[in-house]
Amino acid sequence: PGKQRELVAIMVNDGSTNYADSVKGRFTISRGDAKNTVYLYMN
């Protein structure tokens, strides 16, 4: 609320990922077995 939209995590087809500093070590992005599915695990 009241803030701009920001990147949390992205994954490219080659498997490379990028995370916001604020979530590194806590969040994990992964692709599902169905390639067009993506998950964000937030701990």
Full PDB file with SEQRES, HELIX, SHEET, SSBOND, CRYST1, ORIGX, SCALE, CONECT and MASTER records, all heavy atoms in Angstrom:
SEQRES   1 A   43  PRO GLY LYS GLN ARG GLU LEU VAL ALA ILE MET VAL ASN          
SEQRES   2 A   43  ASP GLY SER THR ASN TYR ALA ASP SER VAL LYS GLY ARG          
SEQRES   3 A   43  PHE THR ILE SER ARG GLY ASP ALA LYS ASN THR VAL TYR          
SEQRES   4 A   43  LEU TYR MET ASN                                              
SHEET    1 AA1 2 ALA A   9  MET A  11  0                                        
SHEET    2 AA1 2 THR A  17  TYR A  19 -1                                        
SHEET    1 AA2 2 PHE A  27  ARG A  31  0                                        
SHEET    2 AA2 2 VAL A  38  MET A  42 -1                                        
CRYST1    1.000    1.000    1.000  90.00  90.00  90.00 P 1           1          
ORIGX1      1.000000  0.000000  0.000000        0.00000                         
ORIGX2      0.000000  1.000000  0.000000        0.00000                         
ORIGX3      0.000000  0.000000  1.000000        0.00000                         
SCALE1      1.000000  0.000000  0.000000        0.00000                         
SCALE2      0.000000  1.000000  0.000000        0.00000                         
SCALE3      0.000000  0.000000  1.000000        0.00000                         
ATOM      1  N   PRO A   1       0.824  -1.215   0.000  1.00  0.00           N  
ATOM      2  CA  PRO A   1       0.000   0.000   0.000  1.00  0.00           C  
ATOM      3  C   PRO A   1       0.854   1.258   0.000  1.00  0.00           C  
ATOM      4  O   PRO A   1       1.776   1.401   0.810  1.00  0.00           O  
ATOM      5  CB  PRO A   1      -0.806  -0.124   1.296  1.00  0.00           C  
ATOM      6  CG  PRO A   1      -0.871  -1.577   1.565  1.00  0.00           C  
ATOM      7  CD  PRO A   1       0.437  -2.140   1.087  1.00  0.00           C  
ATOM      8  N   GLY A   2       0.576   2.158  -0.923  1.00  0.00           N  
ATOM      9  CA  GLY A   2       1.291   3.416  -0.990  1.00  0.00           C  
ATOM     10  C   GLY A   2       2.678   3.345  -1.580  1.00  0.00           C  
ATOM     11  O   GLY A   2       3.401   4.344  -1.577  1.00  0.00           O  
ATOM     12  N   LYS A   3       3.046   2.185  -2.087  1.00  0.00           N  
ATOM     13  CA  LYS A   3       4.394   2.016  -2.655  1.00  0.00           C  
ATOM     14  C   LYS A   3       4.317   1.572  -4.115  1.00  0.00           C  
ATOM     15  O   LYS A   3       3.284   1.091  -4.581  1.00  0.00           O  
ATOM     16  CB  LYS A   3       5.191   1.005  -1.840  1.00  0.00           C  
ATOM     17  CG  LYS A   3       5.478   1.455  -0.418  1.00  0.00           C  
ATOM     18  CD  LYS A   3       6.436   0.502   0.274  1.00  0.00           C  
ATOM     19  CE  LYS A   3       6.782   0.983   1.662  1.00  0.00           C  
ATOM     20  NZ  LYS A   3       7.758   0.077   2.343  1.00  0.00           N  
ATOM     21  N   GLN A   4       5.438   1.706  -4.797  1.00  0.00           N  
ATOM     22  CA  GLN A   4       5.506   1.268  -6.183  1.00  0.00           C  
ATOM     23  C   GLN A   4       5.673  -0.243  -6.247  1.00  0.00           C  
ATOM     24  O   GLN A   4       6.182  -0.880  -5.314  1.00  0.00           O  
ATOM     25  CB  GLN A   4       6.681   1.952  -6.890  1.00  0.00           C  
ATOM     26  CG  GLN A   4       6.472   3.441  -7.112  1.00  0.00           C  
ATOM     27  CD  GLN A   4       7.565   4.060  -7.970  1.00  0.00           C  
ATOM     28  OE1 GLN A   4       8.692   3.578  -7.977  1.00  0.00           O  
ATOM     29  NE2 GLN A   4       7.231   5.104  -8.697  1.00  0.00           N  
ATOM     30  N   ARG A   5       5.261  -0.797  -7.365  1.00  0.00           N  
ATOM     31  CA  ARG A   5       5.460  -2.220  -7.581  1.00  0.00           C  
ATOM     32  C   ARG A   5       6.945  -2.499  -7.715  1.00  0.00           C  
ATOM     33  O   ARG A   5       7.676  -1.734  -8.362  1.00  0.00           O  
ATOM     34  CB  ARG A   5       4.711  -2.664  -8.840  1.00  0.00           C  
ATOM     35  CG  ARG A   5       4.586  -4.158  -8.998  1.00  0.00           C  
ATOM     36  CD  ARG A   5       3.682  -4.524 -10.159  1.00  0.00           C  
ATOM     37  NE  ARG A   5       2.312  -4.047  -9.942  1.00  0.00           N  
ATOM     38  CZ  ARG A   5       1.296  -4.357 -10.739  1.00  0.00           C  
ATOM     39  NH1 ARG A   5       1.492  -5.133 -11.796  1.00  0.00           N  
ATOM     40  NH2 ARG A   5       0.100  -3.887 -10.486  1.00  0.00           N  
ATOM     41  N   GLU A   6       7.381  -3.592  -7.097  1.00  0.00           N  
ATOM     42  CA  GLU A   6       8.805  -3.902  -7.108  1.00  0.00           C  
ATOM     43  C   GLU A   6       9.038  -5.371  -7.442  1.00  0.00           C  
ATOM     44  O   GLU A   6       8.183  -6.225  -7.182  1.00  0.00           O  
ATOM     45  CB  GLU A   6       9.436  -3.596  -5.736  1.00  0.00           C  
ATOM     46  CG  GLU A   6       8.880  -4.417  -4.599  1.00  0.00           C  
ATOM     47  CD  GLU A   6       9.587  -4.144  -3.272  1.00  0.00           C  
ATOM     48  OE1 GLU A   6      10.502  -3.294  -3.230  1.00  0.00           O  
ATOM     49  OE2 GLU A   6       9.222  -4.802  -2.290  1.00  0.00           O  
ATOM     50  N   LEU A   7      10.209  -5.626  -7.973  1.00  0.00           N  
ATOM     51  CA  LEU A   7      10.607  -6.996  -8.279  1.00  0.00           C  
ATOM     52  C   LEU A   7      10.823  -7.774  -6.991  1.00  0.00           C  
ATOM     53  O   LEU A   7      11.438  -7.265  -6.051  1.00  0.00           O  
ATOM     54  CB  LEU A   7      11.899  -6.994  -9.088  1.00  0.00           C  
ATOM     55  CG  LEU A   7      12.585  -8.340  -9.265  1.00  0.00           C  
ATOM     56  CD1 LEU A   7      11.796  -9.229 -10.207  1.00  0.00           C  
ATOM     57  CD2 LEU A   7      14.015  -8.166  -9.756  1.00  0.00           C  
ATOM     58  N   VAL A   8      10.336  -9.004  -6.967  1.00  0.00           N  
ATOM     59  CA  VAL A   8      10.624  -9.904  -5.857  1.00  0.00           C  
ATOM     60  C   VAL A   8      11.626 -10.959  -6.319  1.00  0.00           C  
ATOM     61  O   VAL A   8      12.690 -11.130  -5.725  1.00  0.00           O  
ATOM     62  CB  VAL A   8       9.345 -10.586  -5.336  1.00  0.00           C  
ATOM     63  CG1 VAL A   8       9.683 -11.593  -4.241  1.00  0.00           C  
ATOM     64  CG2 VAL A   8       8.356  -9.550  -4.820  1.00  0.00           C  
ATOM     65  N   ALA A   9      11.290 -11.659  -7.388  1.00  0.00           N  
ATOM     66  CA  ALA A   9      12.164 -12.702  -7.904  1.00  0.00           C  
ATOM     67  C   ALA A   9      11.775 -13.030  -9.329  1.00  0.00           C  
ATOM     68  O   ALA A   9      10.590 -12.993  -9.677  1.00  0.00           O  
ATOM     69  CB  ALA A   9      12.070 -13.960  -7.038  1.00  0.00           C  
ATOM     70  N   ILE A  10      12.776 -13.344 -10.154  1.00  0.00           N  
ATOM     71  CA  ILE A  10      12.510 -13.781 -11.513  1.00  0.00           C  
ATOM     72  C   ILE A  10      13.380 -14.980 -11.834  1.00  0.00           C  
ATOM     73  O   ILE A  10      14.431 -15.175 -11.231  1.00  0.00           O  
ATOM     74  CB  ILE A  10      12.741 -12.677 -12.563  1.00  0.00           C  
ATOM     75  CG1 ILE A  10      14.186 -12.170 -12.518  1.00  0.00           C  
ATOM     76  CG2 ILE A  10      11.737 -11.555 -12.408  1.00  0.00           C  
ATOM     77  CD1 ILE A  10      14.523 -11.263 -13.666  1.00  0.00           C  
ATOM     78  N   MET A  11      12.913 -15.761 -12.808  1.00  0.00           N  
ATOM     79  CA  MET A  11      13.665 -16.912 -13.263  1.00  0.00           C  
ATOM     80  C   MET A  11      13.607 -16.951 -14.786  1.00  0.00           C  
ATOM     81  O   MET A  11      12.539 -16.813 -15.376  1.00  0.00           O  
ATOM     82  CB  MET A  11      13.108 -18.210 -12.678  1.00  0.00           C  
ATOM     83  CG  MET A  11      13.765 -19.463 -13.213  1.00  0.00           C  
ATOM     84  SD  MET A  11      13.182 -20.974 -12.424  1.00  0.00           S  
ATOM     85  CE  MET A  11      14.259 -21.013 -11.004  1.00  0.00           C  
ATOM     86  N   VAL A  12      14.767 -17.165 -15.384  1.00  0.00           N  
ATOM     87  CA  VAL A  12      14.877 -17.278 -16.829  1.00  0.00           C  
ATOM     88  C   VAL A  12      14.916 -18.755 -17.192  1.00  0.00           C  
ATOM     89  O   VAL A  12      15.219 -19.605 -16.339  1.00  0.00           O  
ATOM     90  CB  VAL A  12      16.148 -16.556 -17.329  1.00  0.00           C  
ATOM     91  CG1 VAL A  12      16.201 -16.563 -18.857  1.00  0.00           C  
ATOM     92  CG2 VAL A  12      16.162 -15.125 -16.823  1.00  0.00           C  
ATOM     93  N   ASN A  13      14.633 -19.056 -18.448  1.00  0.00           N  
ATOM     94  CA  ASN A  13      14.579 -20.453 -18.880  1.00  0.00           C  
ATOM     95  C   ASN A  13      15.872 -21.216 -18.633  1.00  0.00           C  
ATOM     96  O   ASN A  13      15.849 -22.438 -18.471  1.00  0.00           O  
ATOM     97  CB  ASN A  13      14.224 -20.533 -20.362  1.00  0.00           C  
ATOM     98  CG  ASN A  13      12.727 -20.521 -20.572  1.00  0.00           C  
ATOM     99  OD1 ASN A  13      11.966 -20.403 -19.626  1.00  0.00           O  
ATOM    100  ND2 ASN A  13      12.307 -20.651 -21.804  1.00  0.00           N  
ATOM    101  N   ASP A  14      17.001 -20.514 -18.605  1.00  0.00           N  
ATOM    102  CA  ASP A  14      18.269 -21.217 -18.364  1.00  0.00           C  
ATOM    103  C   ASP A  14      18.469 -21.558 -16.892  1.00  0.00           C  
ATOM    104  O   ASP A  14      19.501 -22.126 -16.519  1.00  0.00           O  
ATOM    105  CB  ASP A  14      19.450 -20.400 -18.890  1.00  0.00           C  
ATOM    106  CG  ASP A  14      19.619 -19.071 -18.160  1.00  0.00           C  
ATOM    107  OD1 ASP A  14      18.858 -18.798 -17.207  1.00  0.00           O  
ATOM    108  OD2 ASP A  14      20.506 -18.298 -18.553  1.00  0.00           O  
ATOM    109  N   GLY A  15      17.500 -21.199 -16.088  1.00  0.00           N  
ATOM    110  CA  GLY A  15      17.573 -21.512 -14.667  1.00  0.00           C  
ATOM    111  C   GLY A  15      18.136 -20.408 -13.797  1.00  0.00           C  
ATOM    112  O   GLY A  15      18.120 -20.507 -12.562  1.00  0.00           O  
ATOM    113  N   SER A  16      18.635 -19.373 -14.408  1.00  0.00           N  
ATOM    114  CA  SER A  16      19.189 -18.274 -13.617  1.00  0.00           C  
ATOM    115  C   SER A  16      18.059 -17.520 -12.918  1.00  0.00           C  
ATOM    116  O   SER A  16      16.939 -17.444 -13.418  1.00  0.00           O  
ATOM    117  CB  SER A  16      19.999 -17.323 -14.500  1.00  0.00           C  
ATOM    118  OG  SER A  16      19.186 -16.776 -15.516  1.00  0.00           O  
ATOM    119  N   THR A  17      18.392 -16.994 -11.755  1.00  0.00           N  
ATOM    120  CA  THR A  17      17.405 -16.293 -10.936  1.00  0.00           C  
ATOM    121  C   THR A  17      17.957 -14.953 -10.462  1.00  0.00           C  
ATOM    122  O   THR A  17      19.169 -14.729 -10.424  1.00  0.00           O  
ATOM    123  CB  THR A  17      17.005 -17.127  -9.710  1.00  0.00           C  
ATOM    124  OG1 THR A  17      18.179 -17.414  -8.934  1.00  0.00           O  
ATOM    125  CG2 THR A  17      16.357 -18.438 -10.120  1.00  0.00           C  
ATOM    126  N   ASN A  18      17.037 -14.108 -10.081  1.00  0.00           N  
ATOM    127  CA  ASN A  18      17.418 -12.826  -9.498  1.00  0.00           C  
ATOM    128  C   ASN A  18      16.407 -12.508  -8.410  1.00  0.00           C  
ATOM    129  O   ASN A  18      15.199 -12.687  -8.615  1.00  0.00           O  
ATOM    130  CB  ASN A  18      17.420 -11.728 -10.567  1.00  0.00           C  
ATOM    131  CG  ASN A  18      17.983 -10.429 -10.030  1.00  0.00           C  
ATOM    132  OD1 ASN A  18      18.864 -10.427  -9.185  1.00  0.00           O  
ATOM    133  ND2 ASN A  18      17.475  -9.314 -10.525  1.00  0.00           N  
ATOM    134  N   TYR A  19      16.896 -12.062  -7.267  1.00  0.00           N  
ATOM    135  CA  TYR A  19      16.033 -11.761  -6.135  1.00  0.00           C  
ATOM    136  C   TYR A  19      16.248 -10.331  -5.637  1.00  0.00           C  
ATOM    137  O   TYR A  19      17.355  -9.801  -5.706  1.00  0.00           O  
ATOM    138  CB  TYR A  19      16.336 -12.704  -4.963  1.00  0.00           C  
ATOM    139  CG  TYR A  19      15.998 -14.142  -5.192  1.00  0.00           C  
ATOM    140  CD1 TYR A  19      16.930 -15.029  -5.723  1.00  0.00           C  
ATOM    141  CD2 TYR A  19      14.733 -14.637  -4.865  1.00  0.00           C  
ATOM    142  CE1 TYR A  19      16.613 -16.363  -5.926  1.00  0.00           C  
ATOM    143  CE2 TYR A  19      14.414 -15.975  -5.059  1.00  0.00           C  
ATOM    144  CZ  TYR A  19      15.355 -16.821  -5.592  1.00  0.00           C  
ATOM    145  OH  TYR A  19      15.039 -18.140  -5.782  1.00  0.00           O  
ATOM    146  N   ALA A  20      15.195  -9.766  -5.101  1.00  0.00           N  
ATOM    147  CA  ALA A  20      15.346  -8.506  -4.389  1.00  0.00           C  
ATOM    148  C   ALA A  20      16.182  -8.757  -3.140  1.00  0.00           C  
ATOM    149  O   ALA A  20      16.074  -9.821  -2.512  1.00  0.00           O  
ATOM    150  CB  ALA A  20      13.983  -7.956  -3.995  1.00  0.00           C  
ATOM    151  N   ASP A  21      17.013  -7.795  -2.786  1.00  0.00           N  
ATOM    152  CA  ASP A  21      17.865  -7.970  -1.605  1.00  0.00           C  
ATOM    153  C   ASP A  21      17.033  -8.263  -0.356  1.00  0.00           C  
ATOM    154  O   ASP A  21      17.461  -9.022   0.521  1.00  0.00           O  
ATOM    155  CB  ASP A  21      18.700  -6.707  -1.374  1.00  0.00           C  
ATOM    156  CG  ASP A  21      19.806  -6.551  -2.399  1.00  0.00           C  
ATOM    157  OD1 ASP A  21      20.151  -7.546  -3.068  1.00  0.00           O  
ATOM    158  OD2 ASP A  21      20.326  -5.425  -2.528  1.00  0.00           O  
ATOM    159  N   SER A  22      15.859  -7.685  -0.291  1.00  0.00           N  
ATOM    160  CA  SER A  22      15.030  -7.816   0.911  1.00  0.00           C  
ATOM    161  C   SER A  22      14.488  -9.227   1.120  1.00  0.00           C  
ATOM    162  O   SER A  22      14.034  -9.548   2.228  1.00  0.00           O  
ATOM    163  CB  SER A  22      13.870  -6.828   0.854  1.00  0.00           C  
ATOM    164  OG  SER A  22      13.059  -7.073  -0.283  1.00  0.00           O  
ATOM    165  N   VAL A  23      14.533 -10.052   0.084  1.00  0.00           N  
ATOM    166  CA  VAL A  23      13.972 -11.409   0.224  1.00  0.00           C  
ATOM    167  C   VAL A  23      15.023 -12.502   0.080  1.00  0.00           C  
ATOM    168  O   VAL A  23      14.702 -13.681   0.254  1.00  0.00           O  
ATOM    169  CB  VAL A  23      12.833 -11.645  -0.784  1.00  0.00           C  
ATOM    170  CG1 VAL A  23      11.778 -10.556  -0.674  1.00  0.00           C  
ATOM    171  CG2 VAL A  23      13.340 -11.772  -2.207  1.00  0.00           C  
ATOM    172  N   LYS A  24      16.245 -12.138  -0.257  1.00  0.00           N  
ATOM    173  CA  LYS A  24      17.290 -13.141  -0.426  1.00  0.00           C  
ATOM    174  C   LYS A  24      17.462 -13.970   0.839  1.00  0.00           C  
ATOM    175  O   LYS A  24      17.499 -13.437   1.941  1.00  0.00           O  
ATOM    176  CB  LYS A  24      18.615 -12.469  -0.781  1.00  0.00           C  
ATOM    177  CG  LYS A  24      18.699 -11.979  -2.217  1.00  0.00           C  
ATOM    178  CD  LYS A  24      20.037 -11.324  -2.499  1.00  0.00           C  
ATOM    179  CE  LYS A  24      20.094 -10.820  -3.936  1.00  0.00           C  
ATOM    180  NZ  LYS A  24      21.353 -10.111  -4.221  1.00  0.00           N  
ATOM    181  N   GLY A  25      17.533 -15.276   0.635  1.00  0.00           N  
ATOM    182  CA  GLY A  25      17.686 -16.177   1.764  1.00  0.00           C  
ATOM    183  C   GLY A  25      16.374 -16.581   2.404  1.00  0.00           C  
ATOM    184  O   GLY A  25      16.339 -17.494   3.228  1.00  0.00           O  
ATOM    185  N   ARG A  26      15.299 -15.916   2.050  1.00  0.00           N  
ATOM    186  CA  ARG A  26      13.986 -16.253   2.626  1.00  0.00           C  
ATOM    187  C   ARG A  26      13.011 -16.758   1.561  1.00  0.00           C  
ATOM    188  O   ARG A  26      12.178 -17.615   1.852  1.00  0.00           O  
ATOM    189  CB  ARG A  26      13.379 -15.017   3.297  1.00  0.00           C  
ATOM    190  CG  ARG A  26      14.212 -14.465   4.434  1.00  0.00           C  
ATOM    191  CD  ARG A  26      13.465 -13.370   5.194  1.00  0.00           C  
ATOM    192  NE  ARG A  26      13.137 -12.219   4.351  1.00  0.00           N  
ATOM    193  CZ  ARG A  26      11.906 -11.776   4.148  1.00  0.00           C  
ATOM    194  NH1 ARG A  26      10.878 -12.379   4.707  1.00  0.00           N  
ATOM    195  NH2 ARG A  26      11.702 -10.713   3.381  1.00  0.00           N  
ATOM    196  N   PHE A  27      13.108 -16.228   0.361  1.00  0.00           N  
ATOM    197  CA  PHE A  27      12.193 -16.601  -0.721  1.00  0.00           C  
ATOM    198  C   PHE A  27      12.948 -17.427  -1.765  1.00  0.00           C  
ATOM    199  O   PHE A  27      14.134 -17.192  -2.020  1.00  0.00           O  
ATOM    200  CB  PHE A  27      11.620 -15.365  -1.413  1.00  0.00           C  
ATOM    201  CG  PHE A  27      10.656 -14.552  -0.578  1.00  0.00           C  
ATOM    202  CD1 PHE A  27      10.490 -14.776   0.787  1.00  0.00           C  
ATOM    203  CD2 PHE A  27       9.907 -13.551  -1.171  1.00  0.00           C  
ATOM    204  CE1 PHE A  27       9.611 -14.021   1.546  1.00  0.00           C  
ATOM    205  CE2 PHE A  27       9.016 -12.780  -0.433  1.00  0.00           C  
ATOM    206  CZ  PHE A  27       8.872 -13.019   0.933  1.00  0.00           C  
ATOM    207  N   THR A  28      12.219 -18.329  -2.393  1.00  0.00           N  
ATOM    208  CA  THR A  28      12.796 -19.138  -3.469  1.00  0.00           C  
ATOM    209  C   THR A  28      11.797 -19.213  -4.613  1.00  0.00           C  
ATOM    210  O   THR A  28      10.631 -19.545  -4.400  1.00  0.00           O  
ATOM    211  CB  THR A  28      13.127 -20.551  -2.986  1.00  0.00           C  
ATOM    212  OG1 THR A  28      14.048 -20.484  -1.891  1.00  0.00           O  
ATOM    213  CG2 THR A  28      13.759 -21.362  -4.111  1.00  0.00           C  
ATOM    214  N   ILE A  29      12.294 -18.940  -5.813  1.00  0.00           N  
ATOM    215  CA  ILE A  29      11.454 -19.061  -6.994  1.00  0.00           C  
ATOM    216  C   ILE A  29      11.831 -20.343  -7.724  1.00  0.00           C  
ATOM    217  O   ILE A  29      13.010 -20.709  -7.793  1.00  0.00           O  
ATOM    218  CB  ILE A  29      11.606 -17.836  -7.925  1.00  0.00           C  
ATOM    219  CG1 ILE A  29      10.583 -17.897  -9.060  1.00  0.00           C  
ATOM    220  CG2 ILE A  29      13.024 -17.705  -8.459  1.00  0.00           C  
ATOM    221  CD1 ILE A  29      10.512 -16.602  -9.888  1.00  0.00           C  
ATOM    222  N   SER A  30      10.831 -21.031  -8.240  1.00  0.00           N  
ATOM    223  CA  SER A  30      11.123 -22.253  -8.976  1.00  0.00           C  
ATOM    224  C   SER A  30      10.068 -22.475 -10.043  1.00  0.00           C  
ATOM    225  O   SER A  30       8.932 -22.003  -9.925  1.00  0.00           O  
ATOM    226  CB  SER A  30      11.198 -23.463  -8.036  1.00  0.00           C  
ATOM    227  OG  SER A  30       9.918 -23.738  -7.487  1.00  0.00           O  
ATOM    228  N   ARG A  31      10.466 -23.198 -11.090  1.00  0.00           N  
ATOM    229  CA  ARG A  31       9.530 -23.568 -12.146  1.00  0.00           C  
ATOM    230  C   ARG A  31       8.955 -24.937 -11.818  1.00  0.00           C  
ATOM    231  O   ARG A  31       9.638 -25.810 -11.277  1.00  0.00           O  
ATOM    232  CB  ARG A  31      10.233 -23.617 -13.497  1.00  0.00           C  
ATOM    233  CG  ARG A  31      10.756 -22.296 -14.003  1.00  0.00           C  
ATOM    234  CD  ARG A  31       9.691 -21.378 -14.498  1.00  0.00           C  
ATOM    235  NE  ARG A  31       9.115 -21.775 -15.748  1.00  0.00           N  
ATOM    236  CZ  ARG A  31       9.479 -21.296 -16.936  1.00  0.00           C  
ATOM    237  NH1 ARG A  31      10.457 -20.418 -17.023  1.00  0.00           N  
ATOM    238  NH2 ARG A  31       8.861 -21.680 -18.029  1.00  0.00           N  
ATOM    239  N   GLY A  32       7.703 -25.147 -12.164  1.00  0.00           N  
ATOM    240  CA  GLY A  32       7.079 -26.433 -11.941  1.00  0.00           C  
ATOM    241  C   GLY A  32       7.429 -27.427 -13.034  1.00  0.00           C  
ATOM    242  O   GLY A  32       8.078 -27.088 -14.019  1.00  0.00           O  
ATOM    243  N   ASP A  33       7.014 -28.658 -12.829  1.00  0.00           N  
ATOM    244  CA  ASP A  33       7.219 -29.683 -13.837  1.00  0.00           C  
ATOM    245  C   ASP A  33       6.528 -29.289 -15.136  1.00  0.00           C  
ATOM    246  O   ASP A  33       7.040 -29.558 -16.234  1.00  0.00           O  
ATOM    247  CB  ASP A  33       6.699 -31.032 -13.348  1.00  0.00           C  
ATOM    248  CG  ASP A  33       7.551 -31.579 -12.222  1.00  0.00           C  
ATOM    249  OD1 ASP A  33       8.727 -31.175 -12.127  1.00  0.00           O  
ATOM    250  OD2 ASP A  33       7.055 -32.409 -11.442  1.00  0.00           O  
ATOM    251  N   ALA A  34       5.357 -28.681 -15.002  1.00  0.00           N  
ATOM    252  CA  ALA A  34       4.712 -28.074 -16.163  1.00  0.00           C  
ATOM    253  C   ALA A  34       5.437 -26.757 -16.378  1.00  0.00           C  
ATOM    254  O   ALA A  34       5.407 -25.878 -15.520  1.00  0.00           O  
ATOM    255  CB  ALA A  34       3.237 -27.827 -15.881  1.00  0.00           C  
ATOM    256  N   LYS A  35       6.109 -26.605 -17.501  1.00  0.00           N  
ATOM    257  CA  LYS A  35       7.041 -25.502 -17.662  1.00  0.00           C  
ATOM    258  C   LYS A  35       6.421 -24.142 -17.453  1.00  0.00           C  
ATOM    259  O   LYS A  35       7.083 -23.206 -17.035  1.00  0.00           O  
ATOM    260  CB  LYS A  35       7.680 -25.584 -19.048  1.00  0.00           C  
ATOM    261  CG  LYS A  35       8.687 -26.707 -19.186  1.00  0.00           C  
ATOM    262  CD  LYS A  35       9.426 -26.633 -20.499  1.00  0.00           C  
ATOM    263  CE  LYS A  35      10.476 -27.723 -20.586  1.00  0.00           C  
ATOM    264  NZ  LYS A  35      11.217 -27.651 -21.865  1.00  0.00           N  
ATOM    265  N   ASN A  36       5.182 -23.986 -17.746  1.00  0.00           N  
ATOM    266  CA  ASN A  36       4.561 -22.669 -17.623  1.00  0.00           C  
ATOM    267  C   ASN A  36       3.924 -22.454 -16.258  1.00  0.00           C  
ATOM    268  O   ASN A  36       2.922 -21.768 -16.126  1.00  0.00           O  
ATOM    269  CB  ASN A  36       3.547 -22.471 -18.740  1.00  0.00           C  
ATOM    270  CG  ASN A  36       4.214 -22.239 -20.069  1.00  0.00           C  
ATOM    271  OD1 ASN A  36       5.416 -22.013 -20.131  1.00  0.00           O  
ATOM    272  ND2 ASN A  36       3.461 -22.313 -21.142  1.00  0.00           N  
ATOM    273  N   THR A  37       4.549 -23.059 -15.257  1.00  0.00           N  
ATOM    274  CA  THR A  37       4.123 -22.859 -13.881  1.00  0.00           C  
ATOM    275  C   THR A  37       5.309 -22.372 -13.076  1.00  0.00           C  
ATOM    276  O   THR A  37       6.409 -22.887 -13.219  1.00  0.00           O  
ATOM    277  CB  THR A  37       3.593 -24.168 -13.273  1.00  0.00           C  
ATOM    278  OG1 THR A  37       2.497 -24.647 -14.045  1.00  0.00           O  
ATOM    279  CG2 THR A  37       3.125 -23.941 -11.844  1.00  0.00           C  
ATOM    280  N   VAL A  38       5.081 -21.392 -12.247  1.00  0.00           N  
ATOM    281  CA  VAL A  38       6.150 -20.869 -11.412  1.00  0.00           C  
ATOM    282  C   VAL A  38       5.639 -20.733  -9.975  1.00  0.00           C  
ATOM    283  O   VAL A  38       4.472 -20.423  -9.746  1.00  0.00           O  
ATOM    284  CB  VAL A  38       6.663 -19.505 -11.928  1.00  0.00           C  
ATOM    285  CG1 VAL A  38       5.593 -18.439 -11.852  1.00  0.00           C  
ATOM    286  CG2 VAL A  38       7.912 -19.076 -11.191  1.00  0.00           C  
ATOM    287  N   TYR A  39       6.525 -21.026  -9.044  1.00  0.00           N  
ATOM    288  CA  TYR A  39       6.187 -20.961  -7.635  1.00  0.00           C  
ATOM    289  C   TYR A  39       7.082 -19.945  -6.925  1.00  0.00           C  
ATOM    290  O   TYR A  39       8.216 -19.703  -7.338  1.00  0.00           O  
ATOM    291  CB  TYR A  39       6.370 -22.319  -6.969  1.00  0.00           C  
ATOM    292  CG  TYR A  39       5.551 -23.413  -7.576  1.00  0.00           C  
ATOM    293  CD1 TYR A  39       6.132 -24.337  -8.446  1.00  0.00           C  
ATOM    294  CD2 TYR A  39       4.196 -23.538  -7.279  1.00  0.00           C  
ATOM    295  CE1 TYR A  39       5.375 -25.346  -9.010  1.00  0.00           C  
ATOM    296  CE2 TYR A  39       3.437 -24.552  -7.845  1.00  0.00           C  
ATOM    297  CZ  TYR A  39       4.035 -25.450  -8.709  1.00  0.00           C  
ATOM    298  OH  TYR A  39       3.281 -26.451  -9.267  1.00  0.00           O  
ATOM    299  N   LEU A  40       6.560 -19.389  -5.859  1.00  0.00           N  
ATOM    300  CA  LEU A  40       7.358 -18.560  -4.969  1.00  0.00           C  
ATOM    301  C   LEU A  40       7.168 -19.099  -3.567  1.00  0.00           C  
ATOM    302  O   LEU A  40       6.081 -19.014  -2.990  1.00  0.00           O  
ATOM    303  CB  LEU A  40       6.940 -17.091  -5.038  1.00  0.00           C  
ATOM    304  CG  LEU A  40       7.801 -16.140  -4.213  1.00  0.00           C  
ATOM    305  CD1 LEU A  40       9.214 -16.046  -4.815  1.00  0.00           C  
ATOM    306  CD2 LEU A  40       7.170 -14.749  -4.143  1.00  0.00           C  
ATOM    307  N   TYR A  41       8.242 -19.680  -3.039  1.00  0.00           N  
ATOM    308  CA  TYR A  41       8.228 -20.181  -1.682  1.00  0.00           C  
ATOM    309  C   TYR A  41       8.716 -19.065  -0.772  1.00  0.00           C  
ATOM    310  O   TYR A  41       9.835 -18.575  -0.938  1.00  0.00           O  
ATOM    311  CB  TYR A  41       9.130 -21.399  -1.540  1.00  0.00           C  
ATOM    312  CG  TYR A  41       8.660 -22.588  -2.336  1.00  0.00           C  
ATOM    313  CD1 TYR A  41       9.018 -22.747  -3.672  1.00  0.00           C  
ATOM    314  CD2 TYR A  41       7.849 -23.557  -1.753  1.00  0.00           C  
ATOM    315  CE1 TYR A  41       8.580 -23.837  -4.401  1.00  0.00           C  
ATOM    316  CE2 TYR A  41       7.412 -24.659  -2.481  1.00  0.00           C  
ATOM    317  CZ  TYR A  41       7.780 -24.788  -3.800  1.00  0.00           C  
ATOM    318  OH  TYR A  41       7.338 -25.868  -4.524  1.00  0.00           O  
ATOM    319  N   MET A  42       7.877 -18.694   0.158  1.00  0.00           N  
ATOM    320  CA  MET A  42       8.194 -17.569   1.043  1.00  0.00           C  
ATOM    321  C   MET A  42       8.287 -18.071   2.482  1.00  0.00           C  
ATOM    322  O   MET A  42       7.304 -18.566   3.028  1.00  0.00           O  
ATOM    323  CB  MET A  42       7.119 -16.490   0.925  1.00  0.00           C  
ATOM    324  CG  MET A  42       6.902 -15.994  -0.494  1.00  0.00           C  
ATOM    325  SD  MET A  42       5.748 -14.615  -0.608  1.00  0.00           S  
ATOM    326  CE  MET A  42       4.240 -15.397  -0.073  1.00  0.00           C  
ATOM    327  N   ASN A  43       9.464 -17.952   3.054  1.00  0.00           N  
ATOM    328  CA  ASN A  43       9.698 -18.373   4.424  1.00  0.00           C  
ATOM    329  C   ASN A  43      10.099 -17.177   5.278  1.00  0.00           C  
ATOM    330  O   ASN A  43      10.487 -16.131   4.763  1.00  0.00           O  
ATOM    331  CB  ASN A  43      10.797 -19.431   4.471  1.00  0.00           C  
ATOM    332  CG  ASN A  43      10.418 -20.687   3.724  1.00  0.00           C  
ATOM    333  OD1 ASN A  43       9.306 -21.197   3.860  1.00  0.00           O  
ATOM    334  ND2 ASN A  43      11.336 -21.193   2.907  1.00  0.00           N  
TER     335      ASN A  43                                                      
MASTER        0    0    0    0    4    0    0    6  334    1    0    4          
END                                                                             
